[in-house]
C-alpha cells in the first residue's frame, strides 16, 4: 500500500525534495499512532510488539522511496503536496487500523484469558499435620452459611468450608477495623459507635452481615437483648443458613440469675419471628409450667431447621437430661462428645459445657474439667455464661485434686465478672439514654 503511494507521489511531483516529504510525514504519523495504540507500554499480547515494529519499518522504507531529486519546489506543487500530505496520512492510518482490527490472525492474538482478580483479600487455611498454613489470595465474594467463596481466577469461585479456615483478611472500613480492636479488648461502649458508623459505609452484603454480627455481640454483652435479636433477624433475612444464630441471647445455664440471662415470655413461643421463638424456648425450657411447650417449639424448629439452627436446637434438647433427675447416662455423654467433633468450633463450645456439667454429675472430674474449659478458652459466649462455665471448671479442678489450677481459674473468673459488670453498666447507661430520648420525643409531640 505504502510503496504504491510513494510511486504516485513521484509521478505527481517528479522533481522535488520536501523538507519533510509527504510520505515520510504520513509514515511518521502512522508510526506515532501505532506506538500510542500498541506500544510496549500497552501491548500485552505476544507477537503484537513485533507486528507494530514491522509496520513502522515498512512505512519508513516507503517514505524513503518517495524522496525526489534535489531542487526547489514550485509554489503550485507545494500547495498540491500539502493537499496530498493530508490525504495520504488519512489513507495510511485508516488502512492500518482496518488491517489490525479485521485481520483474523490479529484477532486470534487479541483473544486472551481474563486476568486473575486482583485484591488484598486472603483466606488462610488451617495447617494440616506438619505442613505450613496455605493462603488463598483473590476476591472474597461471599461468606454464606458455613462456606467462603473466593474468586482466584477468571473461572468459578472456589468454595472453602469455614471449618478449614483459620483467618479471613479483607478490606474493611476504617471505623469497622477500629471498632473490632475495641471489641477484642472487651471495650463494648467504645466499639459500638464505630461499628455502627461502618454500617453506613459498607456496600458488600457479606461484610454488612459481619458488621451486624459485631453489633449483636455487643448488644448481647450489654444485655440489650431485644436489639440483639433484631440484629440477628436482619442477618437471617440476608443469609437463611447463617452461622451467626449463636449470637442470640440463648440460655445455656438455667442457674444464672435473672439479671444475667434472657427472661422469656410464654406468648413469644407463638411469635412469627423464628429467632424470638428460639430464644424464648431456651429461656423457658427449665420452667415446669412451660417446659412441654418449649420442647415442642424446639423440636419443630429442628424439623424445619438446618445448619447452625439444627445444631443449636440439638444442643438445647441435650439440656433436658440435665433438667431431669437421673437423666444423665454415661453412654449418652459419650455419644454427645463424638457428635461434637462434627460441629464448628463456635457451636462446639456450649455443647462441651453441657457435656462437662453431665460429667460432673457422673463424678468424672478430669474429663469434666477439659470439657468445661473449651468454651471459655476457644470461643467465649457472653461474659455471664463464660464466667459460669469457669466457675464449674473451678469446682471440677477442686474435686479432681488440682488446687493450683483451681486458684488460677478463680482469678480468670473474677476477670470475666468484672467484664460482665462493665458491660452491664454500659447497657444500663444506653437504656437510660434511649429512655430519656424517648421521653423527650413524647414531650415534643
Foldseek 3Di string as FASTA:
>chain_A
DLLVLLVVLCVLFVADADPQALLNLLLVVLLVVCCVVCNPVPPDFPPSNVVSVVSSVVSNVSSVSNGHHDDDDDPVVVVVRVVVSVVSNVVVNVVVVCCCVPPVVNVVRPDDFDFWADFAKKWWFDDDDPDDIDIQDAAFQACAQQWTFGGGGPDGTDIHGNLGTDDIDHDADPLQVVLVVCVVVLNLLVNQVSLVVSLVVDDRVRVNLVSLLSNLQLCLLQVVQVSSLVSVLVSCVVHVNDLSLLSHQADLDQPDDPVNGDAADPVQCPPPDLSSVLRNLRNCCLPPVCNVVSLVSLVVQLVVDDRNSVLVSVLSVLCVLVSDVVSQDPVVLVVLVVVLVPDRLQSSLSSLLSSLVSVVVVVVLVSSLVSLVSQLVPPDGHLRVSLVSLVSNLVSCVSVPNNVVSVVSVVVSVVSVVSSVVSNVSSVVVVVVVVVVVVVVVVVD
